[in-house]
Amino acid sequence: QTLHRQPIVGGIISRKLEESLSDYLDRDSVDIQLKQLIDNQVRYIVVHKEFLADNPSFDTLAYDKRCQRLYTDDTQIVYVAY
């Protein structure tokens, strides 16, 4: 979270004070994106299933091949990046 100086890619931020990882995160290559997340010490990737319909480019199968799926239920998927 920005207040705690932890990297955040998406979510609700009331006031963006400076450039963040979301400004330069690669959206086309899962491999490049995962490298960026790991380089920025993002350990967990939380996918809210309700937003998958709005973001068809997010490929959960690609993440399943590259990351450990830590948790899943009707509303979310949690991956471990490293």
PDB file of N, CA and C in Angstrom:
ATOM      1  N   GLN A   1       0.841  -1.173   0.000  1.00  0.00           N
ATOM      2  CA  GLN A   1       0.000   0.000   0.000  1.00  0.00           C
ATOM      3  C   GLN A   1       0.885   1.234   0.000  1.00  0.00           C
ATOM      4  N   THR A   2       0.400   2.267  -0.606  1.00  0.00           N
ATOM      5  CA  THR A   2       1.241   3.448  -0.751  1.00  0.00           C
ATOM      6  C   THR A   2       1.618   4.070   0.581  1.00  0.00           C
ATOM      7  N   LEU A   3       0.735   4.044   1.544  1.00  0.00           N
ATOM      8  CA  LEU A   3       1.047   4.629   2.841  1.00  0.00           C
ATOM      9  C   LEU A   3       2.197   3.892   3.518  1.00  0.00           C
ATOM     10  N   HIS A   4       2.282   2.601   3.309  1.00  0.00           N
ATOM     11  CA  HIS A   4       3.312   1.795   3.953  1.00  0.00           C
ATOM     12  C   HIS A   4       4.501   1.527   3.039  1.00  0.00           C
ATOM     13  N   ARG A   5       4.537   2.228   1.896  1.00  0.00           N
ATOM     14  CA  ARG A   5       5.631   2.105   0.936  1.00  0.00           C
ATOM     15  C   ARG A   5       5.748   0.696   0.365  1.00  0.00           C
ATOM     16  N   GLN A   6       4.640  -0.029   0.292  1.00  0.00           N
ATOM     17  CA  GLN A   6       4.601  -1.346  -0.315  1.00  0.00           C
ATOM     18  C   GLN A   6       4.061  -1.193  -1.732  1.00  0.00           C
ATOM     19  N   PRO A   7       4.610  -1.944  -2.694  1.00  0.00           N
ATOM     20  CA  PRO A   7       4.143  -1.804  -4.068  1.00  0.00           C
ATOM     21  C   PRO A   7       2.699  -2.271  -4.218  1.00  0.00           C
ATOM     22  N   ILE A   8       1.928  -1.545  -4.984  1.00  0.00           N
ATOM     23  CA  ILE A   8       0.553  -1.913  -5.277  1.00  0.00           C
ATOM     24  C   ILE A   8       0.331  -1.696  -6.767  1.00  0.00           C
ATOM     25  N   VAL A   9      -0.363  -2.618  -7.396  1.00  0.00           N
ATOM     26  CA  VAL A   9      -0.570  -2.535  -8.835  1.00  0.00           C
ATOM     27  C   VAL A   9      -1.980  -2.070  -9.142  1.00  0.00           C
ATOM     28  N   GLY A  10      -2.939  -2.587  -8.459  1.00  0.00           N
ATOM     29  CA  GLY A  10      -4.322  -2.212  -8.705  1.00  0.00           C
ATOM     30  C   GLY A  10      -5.034  -2.031  -7.394  1.00  0.00           C
ATOM     31  N   GLY A  11      -6.246  -1.636  -7.474  1.00  0.00           N
ATOM     32  CA  GLY A  11      -7.010  -1.421  -6.262  1.00  0.00           C
ATOM     33  C   GLY A  11      -7.497   0.001  -6.189  1.00  0.00           C
ATOM     34  N   ILE A  12      -8.046   0.344  -5.061  1.00  0.00           N
ATOM     35  CA  ILE A  12      -8.588   1.682  -4.876  1.00  0.00           C
ATOM     36  C   ILE A  12      -7.602   2.489  -4.040  1.00  0.00           C
ATOM     37  N   ILE A  13      -7.109   3.533  -4.628  1.00  0.00           N
ATOM     38  CA  ILE A  13      -6.191   4.442  -3.944  1.00  0.00           C
ATOM     39  C   ILE A  13      -6.860   5.804  -3.959  1.00  0.00           C
ATOM     40  N   SER A  14      -7.071   6.384  -2.798  1.00  0.00           N
ATOM     41  CA  SER A  14      -7.807   7.645  -2.730  1.00  0.00           C
ATOM     42  C   SER A  14      -7.056   8.801  -3.375  1.00  0.00           C
ATOM     43  N   ARG A  15      -5.752   8.798  -3.257  1.00  0.00           N
ATOM     44  CA  ARG A  15      -4.960   9.901  -3.805  1.00  0.00           C
ATOM     45  C   ARG A  15      -3.611   9.357  -4.230  1.00  0.00           C
ATOM     46  N   LYS A  16      -3.326   9.466  -5.484  1.00  0.00           N
ATOM     47  CA  LYS A  16      -2.055   8.983  -6.003  1.00  0.00           C
ATOM     48  C   LYS A  16      -1.037  10.109  -5.941  1.00  0.00           C
ATOM     49  N   LEU A  17      -0.029   9.924  -5.106  1.00  0.00           N
ATOM     50  CA  LEU A  17       0.943  10.989  -4.866  1.00  0.00           C
ATOM     51  C   LEU A  17       2.161  10.915  -5.776  1.00  0.00           C
ATOM     52  N   GLU A  18       2.447   9.743  -6.290  1.00  0.00           N
ATOM     53  CA  GLU A  18       3.634   9.589  -7.119  1.00  0.00           C
ATOM     54  C   GLU A  18       3.426   8.433  -8.086  1.00  0.00           C
ATOM     55  N   GLU A  19       4.349   8.269  -9.006  1.00  0.00           N
ATOM     56  CA  GLU A  19       4.301   7.172  -9.958  1.00  0.00           C
ATOM     57  C   GLU A  19       4.361   5.854  -9.215  1.00  0.00           C
ATOM     58  N   SER A  20       3.643   4.854  -9.723  1.00  0.00           N
ATOM     59  CA  SER A  20       3.633   3.560  -9.065  1.00  0.00           C
ATOM     60  C   SER A  20       3.916   2.450 -10.076  1.00  0.00           C
ATOM     61  N   LEU A  21       4.026   1.249  -9.584  1.00  0.00           N
ATOM     62  CA  LEU A  21       4.282   0.091 -10.426  1.00  0.00           C
ATOM     63  C   LEU A  21       3.219  -0.056 -11.511  1.00  0.00           C
ATOM     64  N   SER A  22       1.990   0.288 -11.215  1.00  0.00           N
ATOM     65  CA  SER A  22       0.916   0.151 -12.198  1.00  0.00           C
ATOM     66  C   SER A  22       1.139   1.042 -13.423  1.00  0.00           C
ATOM     67  N   ASP A  23       1.939   2.085 -13.297  1.00  0.00           N
ATOM     68  CA  ASP A  23       2.202   2.974 -14.424  1.00  0.00           C
ATOM     69  C   ASP A  23       3.112   2.350 -15.476  1.00  0.00           C
ATOM     70  N   TYR A  24       3.934   1.393 -15.090  1.00  0.00           N
ATOM     71  CA  TYR A  24       4.846   0.804 -16.064  1.00  0.00           C
ATOM     72  C   TYR A  24       4.814  -0.723 -16.105  1.00  0.00           C
ATOM     73  N   LEU A  25       3.813  -1.336 -15.492  1.00  0.00           N
ATOM     74  CA  LEU A  25       3.692  -2.790 -15.509  1.00  0.00           C
ATOM     75  C   LEU A  25       3.320  -3.284 -16.906  1.00  0.00           C
ATOM     76  N   ASP A  26       4.070  -4.240 -17.413  1.00  0.00           N
ATOM     77  CA  ASP A  26       3.809  -4.808 -18.729  1.00  0.00           C
ATOM     78  C   ASP A  26       2.490  -5.574 -18.699  1.00  0.00           C
ATOM     79  N   ARG A  27       1.584  -5.262 -19.594  1.00  0.00           N
ATOM     80  CA  ARG A  27       0.265  -5.918 -19.640  1.00  0.00           C
ATOM     81  C   ARG A  27       0.173  -6.952 -20.751  1.00  0.00           C
ATOM     82  N   ASP A  28       1.227  -7.074 -21.574  1.00  0.00           N
ATOM     83  CA  ASP A  28       1.175  -7.970 -22.721  1.00  0.00           C
ATOM     84  C   ASP A  28       1.860  -9.310 -22.489  1.00  0.00           C
ATOM     85  N   SER A  29       2.852  -9.357 -21.636  1.00  0.00           N
ATOM     86  CA  SER A  29       3.628 -10.572 -21.424  1.00  0.00           C
ATOM     87  C   SER A  29       3.581 -10.983 -19.952  1.00  0.00           C
ATOM     88  N   VAL A  30       3.045 -12.169 -19.693  1.00  0.00           N
ATOM     89  CA  VAL A  30       2.979 -12.669 -18.316  1.00  0.00           C
ATOM     90  C   VAL A  30       4.380 -12.853 -17.751  1.00  0.00           C
ATOM     91  N   ASP A  31       5.308 -13.332 -18.561  1.00  0.00           N
ATOM     92  CA  ASP A  31       6.678 -13.545 -18.080  1.00  0.00           C
ATOM     93  C   ASP A  31       7.338 -12.235 -17.658  1.00  0.00           C
ATOM     94  N   ILE A  32       7.208 -11.204 -18.489  1.00  0.00           N
ATOM     95  CA  ILE A  32       7.782  -9.904 -18.147  1.00  0.00           C
ATOM     96  C   ILE A  32       7.081  -9.329 -16.928  1.00  0.00           C
ATOM     97  N   GLN A  33       5.756  -9.447 -16.893  1.00  0.00           N
ATOM     98  CA  GLN A  33       5.000  -8.920 -15.765  1.00  0.00           C
ATOM     99  C   GLN A  33       5.401  -9.580 -14.453  1.00  0.00           C
ATOM    100  N   LEU A  34       5.540 -10.890 -14.454  1.00  0.00           N
ATOM    101  CA  LEU A  34       5.955 -11.592 -13.238  1.00  0.00           C
ATOM    102  C   LEU A  34       7.349 -11.164 -12.798  1.00  0.00           C
ATOM    103  N   LYS A  35       8.256 -10.967 -13.765  1.00  0.00           N
ATOM    104  CA  LYS A  35       9.591 -10.488 -13.410  1.00  0.00           C
ATOM    105  C   LYS A  35       9.504  -9.109 -12.761  1.00  0.00           C
ATOM    106  N   GLN A  36       8.676  -8.231 -13.310  1.00  0.00           N
ATOM    107  CA  GLN A  36       8.511  -6.901 -12.723  1.00  0.00           C
ATOM    108  C   GLN A  36       7.935  -6.989 -11.308  1.00  0.00           C
ATOM    109  N   LEU A  37       6.947  -7.848 -11.120  1.00  0.00           N
ATOM    110  CA  LEU A  37       6.343  -8.001  -9.792  1.00  0.00           C
ATOM    111  C   LEU A  37       7.370  -8.514  -8.787  1.00  0.00           C
ATOM    112  N   ILE A  38       8.131  -9.525  -9.187  1.00  0.00           N
ATOM    113  CA  ILE A  38       9.142 -10.099  -8.295  1.00  0.00           C
ATOM    114  C   ILE A  38      10.239  -9.067  -7.999  1.00  0.00           C
ATOM    115  N   ASP A  39      10.685  -8.349  -9.035  1.00  0.00           N
ATOM    116  CA  ASP A  39      11.713  -7.320  -8.837  1.00  0.00           C
ATOM    117  C   ASP A  39      11.257  -6.228  -7.867  1.00  0.00           C
ATOM    118  N   ASN A  40       9.946  -5.996  -7.815  1.00  0.00           N
ATOM    119  CA  ASN A  40       9.388  -4.981  -6.920  1.00  0.00           C
ATOM    120  C   ASN A  40       8.834  -5.583  -5.634  1.00  0.00           C
ATOM    121  N   GLN A  41       9.205  -6.820  -5.370  1.00  0.00           N
ATOM    122  CA  GLN A  41       8.873  -7.536  -4.137  1.00  0.00           C
ATOM    123  C   GLN A  41       7.372  -7.686  -3.907  1.00  0.00           C
ATOM    124  N   VAL A  42       6.619  -7.872  -5.004  1.00  0.00           N
ATOM    125  CA  VAL A  42       5.197  -8.192  -4.889  1.00  0.00           C
ATOM    126  C   VAL A  42       5.117  -9.705  -4.772  1.00  0.00           C
ATOM    127  N   ARG A  43       4.750 -10.177  -3.617  1.00  0.00           N
ATOM    128  CA  ARG A  43       4.747 -11.617  -3.352  1.00  0.00           C
ATOM    129  C   ARG A  43       3.423 -12.274  -3.718  1.00  0.00           C
ATOM    130  N   TYR A  44       2.334 -11.580  -3.513  1.00  0.00           N
ATOM    131  CA  TYR A  44       1.012 -12.175  -3.743  1.00  0.00           C
ATOM    132  C   TYR A  44       0.264 -11.418  -4.833  1.00  0.00           C
ATOM    133  N   ILE A  45      -0.427 -12.176  -5.670  1.00  0.00           N
ATOM    134  CA  ILE A  45      -1.263 -11.614  -6.716  1.00  0.00           C
ATOM    135  C   ILE A  45      -2.690 -12.027  -6.390  1.00  0.00           C
ATOM    136  N   VAL A  46      -3.526 -11.055  -6.102  1.00  0.00           N
ATOM    137  CA  VAL A  46      -4.920 -11.325  -5.761  1.00  0.00           C
ATOM    138  C   VAL A  46      -5.775 -10.931  -6.953  1.00  0.00           C
ATOM    139  N   VAL A  47      -6.508 -11.900  -7.480  1.00  0.00           N
ATOM    140  CA  VAL A  47      -7.372 -11.671  -8.630  1.00  0.00           C
ATOM    141  C   VAL A  47      -8.818 -11.745  -8.147  1.00  0.00           C
ATOM    142  N   HIS A  48      -9.540 -10.655  -8.305  1.00  0.00           N
ATOM    143  CA  HIS A  48     -10.953 -10.644  -7.952  1.00  0.00           C
ATOM    144  C   HIS A  48     -11.735 -11.099  -9.176  1.00  0.00           C
ATOM    145  N   LYS A  49     -12.402 -12.238  -9.061  1.00  0.00           N
ATOM    146  CA  LYS A  49     -13.056 -12.852 -10.210  1.00  0.00           C
ATOM    147  C   LYS A  49     -14.104 -11.959 -10.857  1.00  0.00           C
ATOM    148  N   GLU A  50     -14.736 -11.083 -10.095  1.00  0.00           N
ATOM    149  CA  GLU A  50     -15.766 -10.208 -10.657  1.00  0.00           C
ATOM    150  C   GLU A  50     -15.192  -9.262 -11.713  1.00  0.00           C
ATOM    151  N   PHE A  51     -13.887  -8.991 -11.669  1.00  0.00           N
ATOM    152  CA  PHE A  51     -13.261  -8.089 -12.627  1.00  0.00           C
ATOM    153  C   PHE A  51     -12.701  -8.806 -13.853  1.00  0.00           C
ATOM    154  N   LEU A  52     -12.707 -10.136 -13.862  1.00  0.00           N
ATOM    155  CA  LEU A  52     -12.163 -10.871 -15.004  1.00  0.00           C
ATOM    156  C   LEU A  52     -12.961 -10.624 -16.276  1.00  0.00           C
ATOM    157  N   ALA A  53     -14.262 -10.448 -16.157  1.00  0.00           N
ATOM    158  CA  ALA A  53     -15.088 -10.176 -17.338  1.00  0.00           C
ATOM    159  C   ALA A  53     -14.722  -8.838 -17.966  1.00  0.00           C
ATOM    160  N   ASP A  54     -14.316  -7.861 -17.130  1.00  0.00           N
ATOM    161  CA  ASP A  54     -13.927  -6.543 -17.634  1.00  0.00           C
ATOM    162  C   ASP A  54     -12.507  -6.518 -18.179  1.00  0.00           C
ATOM    163  N   ASN A  55     -11.713  -7.546 -17.866  1.00  0.00           N
ATOM    164  CA  ASN A  55     -10.319  -7.590 -18.281  1.00  0.00           C
ATOM    165  C   ASN A  55     -10.023  -8.940 -18.936  1.00  0.00           C
ATOM    166  N   PRO A  56     -10.508  -9.149 -20.158  1.00  0.00           N
ATOM    167  CA  PRO A  56     -10.314 -10.453 -20.811  1.00  0.00           C
ATOM    168  C   PRO A  56      -8.859 -10.779 -21.125  1.00  0.00           C
ATOM    169  N   SER A  57      -7.972  -9.794 -21.069  1.00  0.00           N
ATOM    170  CA  SER A  57      -6.566 -10.065 -21.357  1.00  0.00           C
ATOM    171  C   SER A  57      -5.860 -10.741 -20.183  1.00  0.00           C
ATOM    172  N   PHE A  58      -6.462 -10.737 -18.996  1.00  0.00           N
ATOM    173  CA  PHE A  58      -5.835 -11.396 -17.850  1.00  0.00           C
ATOM    174  C   PHE A  58      -6.048 -12.895 -17.993  1.00  0.00           C
ATOM    175  N   ASP A  59      -4.972 -13.632 -18.190  1.00  0.00           N
ATOM    176  CA  ASP A  59      -5.017 -15.064 -18.480  1.00  0.00           C
ATOM    177  C   ASP A  59      -4.678 -15.862 -17.232  1.00  0.00           C
ATOM    178  N   THR A  60      -5.694 -16.346 -16.532  1.00  0.00           N
ATOM    179  CA  THR A  60      -5.450 -17.119 -15.308  1.00  0.00           C
ATOM    180  C   THR A  60      -4.713 -18.419 -15.601  1.00  0.00           C
ATOM    181  N   LEU A  61      -4.916 -18.990 -16.781  1.00  0.00           N
ATOM    182  CA  LEU A  61      -4.199 -20.228 -17.133  1.00  0.00           C
ATOM    183  C   LEU A  61      -2.695 -19.982 -17.226  1.00  0.00           C
ATOM    184  N   ALA A  62      -2.303 -18.828 -17.746  1.00  0.00           N
ATOM    185  CA  ALA A  62      -0.878 -18.490 -17.827  1.00  0.00           C
ATOM    186  C   ALA A  62      -0.280 -18.357 -16.431  1.00  0.00           C
ATOM    187  N   TYR A  63      -1.027 -17.762 -15.513  1.00  0.00           N
ATOM    188  CA  TYR A  63      -0.544 -17.646 -14.138  1.00  0.00           C
ATOM    189  C   TYR A  63      -0.498 -19.005 -13.458  1.00  0.00           C
ATOM    190  N   ASP A  64      -1.480 -19.865 -13.753  1.00  0.00           N
ATOM    191  CA  ASP A  64      -1.479 -21.218 -13.183  1.00  0.00           C
ATOM    192  C   ASP A  64      -0.233 -21.998 -13.587  1.00  0.00           C
ATOM    193  N   LYS A  65       0.280 -21.747 -14.795  1.00  0.00           N
ATOM    194  CA  LYS A  65       1.478 -22.440 -15.277  1.00  0.00           C
ATOM    195  C   LYS A  65       2.756 -21.923 -14.627  1.00  0.00           C
ATOM    196  N   ARG A  66       2.739 -20.657 -14.181  1.00  0.00           N
ATOM    197  CA  ARG A  66       3.972 -20.022 -13.710  1.00  0.00           C
ATOM    198  C   ARG A  66       4.021 -19.770 -12.203  1.00  0.00           C
ATOM    199  N   CYS A  67       2.859 -19.775 -11.552  1.00  0.00           N
ATOM    200  CA  CYS A  67       2.797 -19.442 -10.126  1.00  0.00           C
ATOM    201  C   CYS A  67       2.022 -20.512  -9.371  1.00  0.00           C
ATOM    202  N   GLN A  68       2.273 -20.565  -8.097  1.00  0.00           N
ATOM    203  CA  GLN A  68       1.494 -21.447  -7.235  1.00  0.00           C
ATOM    204  C   GLN A  68       0.174 -20.760  -6.904  1.00  0.00           C
ATOM    205  N   ARG A  69      -0.923 -21.483  -7.107  1.00  0.00           N
ATOM    206  CA  ARG A  69      -2.225 -20.962  -6.706  1.00  0.00           C
ATOM    207  C   ARG A  69      -2.382 -21.284  -5.231  1.00  0.00           C
ATOM    208  N   LEU A  70      -2.352 -20.259  -4.419  1.00  0.00           N
ATOM    209  CA  LEU A  70      -2.388 -20.423  -2.972  1.00  0.00           C
ATOM    210  C   LEU A  70      -3.802 -20.632  -2.453  1.00  0.00           C
ATOM    211  N   TYR A  71      -4.759 -19.928  -3.049  1.00  0.00           N
ATOM    212  CA  TYR A  71      -6.128 -19.962  -2.548  1.00  0.00           C
ATOM    213  C   TYR A  71      -7.089 -19.608  -3.668  1.00  0.00           C
ATOM    214  N   THR A  72      -8.252 -20.212  -3.637  1.00  0.00           N
ATOM    215  CA  THR A  72      -9.311 -19.839  -4.576  1.00  0.00           C
ATOM    216  C   THR A  72     -10.661 -20.108  -3.937  1.00  0.00           C
ATOM    217  N   ASP A  73     -11.608 -19.254  -4.255  1.00  0.00           N
ATOM    218  CA  ASP A  73     -12.990 -19.473  -3.841  1.00  0.00           C
ATOM    219  C   ASP A  73     -13.884 -18.851  -4.910  1.00  0.00           C
ATOM    220  N   ASP A  74     -15.131 -18.596  -4.591  1.00  0.00           N
ATOM    221  CA  ASP A  74     -16.067 -18.066  -5.574  1.00  0.00           C
ATOM    222  C   ASP A  74     -15.759 -16.632  -5.992  1.00  0.00           C
ATOM    223  N   THR A  75     -14.987 -15.911  -5.189  1.00  0.00           N
ATOM    224  CA  THR A  75     -14.771 -14.491  -5.462  1.00  0.00           C
ATOM    225  C   THR A  75     -13.349 -14.096  -5.824  1.00  0.00           C
ATOM    226  N   GLN A  76     -12.353 -14.930  -5.449  1.00  0.00           N
ATOM    227  CA  GLN A  76     -10.977 -14.527  -5.691  1.00  0.00           C
ATOM    228  C   GLN A  76     -10.038 -15.700  -5.907  1.00  0.00           C
ATOM    229  N   ILE A  77      -8.899 -15.381  -6.505  1.00  0.00           N
ATOM    230  CA  ILE A  77      -7.795 -16.319  -6.680  1.00  0.00           C
ATOM    231  C   ILE A  77      -6.564 -15.610  -6.119  1.00  0.00           C
ATOM    232  N   VAL A  78      -5.752 -16.326  -5.344  1.00  0.00           N
ATOM    233  CA  VAL A  78      -4.527 -15.753  -4.821  1.00  0.00           C
ATOM    234  C   VAL A  78      -3.360 -16.598  -5.298  1.00  0.00           C
ATOM    235  N   TYR A  79      -2.407 -15.948  -5.974  1.00  0.00           N
ATOM    236  CA  TYR A  79      -1.194 -16.613  -6.441  1.00  0.00           C
ATOM    237  C   TYR A  79      -0.010 -16.141  -5.615  1.00  0.00           C
ATOM    238  N   VAL A  80       0.997 -17.003  -5.524  1.00  0.00           N
ATOM    239  CA  VAL A  80       2.270 -16.626  -4.909  1.00  0.00           C
ATOM    240  C   VAL A  80       3.257 -16.399  -6.047  1.00  0.00           C
ATOM    241  N   ALA A  81       3.778 -15.190  -6.149  1.00  0.00           N
ATOM    242  CA  ALA A  81       4.692 -14.845  -7.249  1.00  0.00           C
ATOM    243  C   ALA A  81       6.075 -15.454  -7.043  1.00  0.00           C
ATOM    244  N   TYR A  82       6.546 -15.513  -5.797  1.00  0.00           N
ATOM    245  CA  TYR A  82       7.855 -16.100  -5.522  1.00  0.00           C
ATOM    246  C   TYR A  82       7.880 -16.669  -4.131  1.00  0.00           C
TER     247      TYR A  82
END
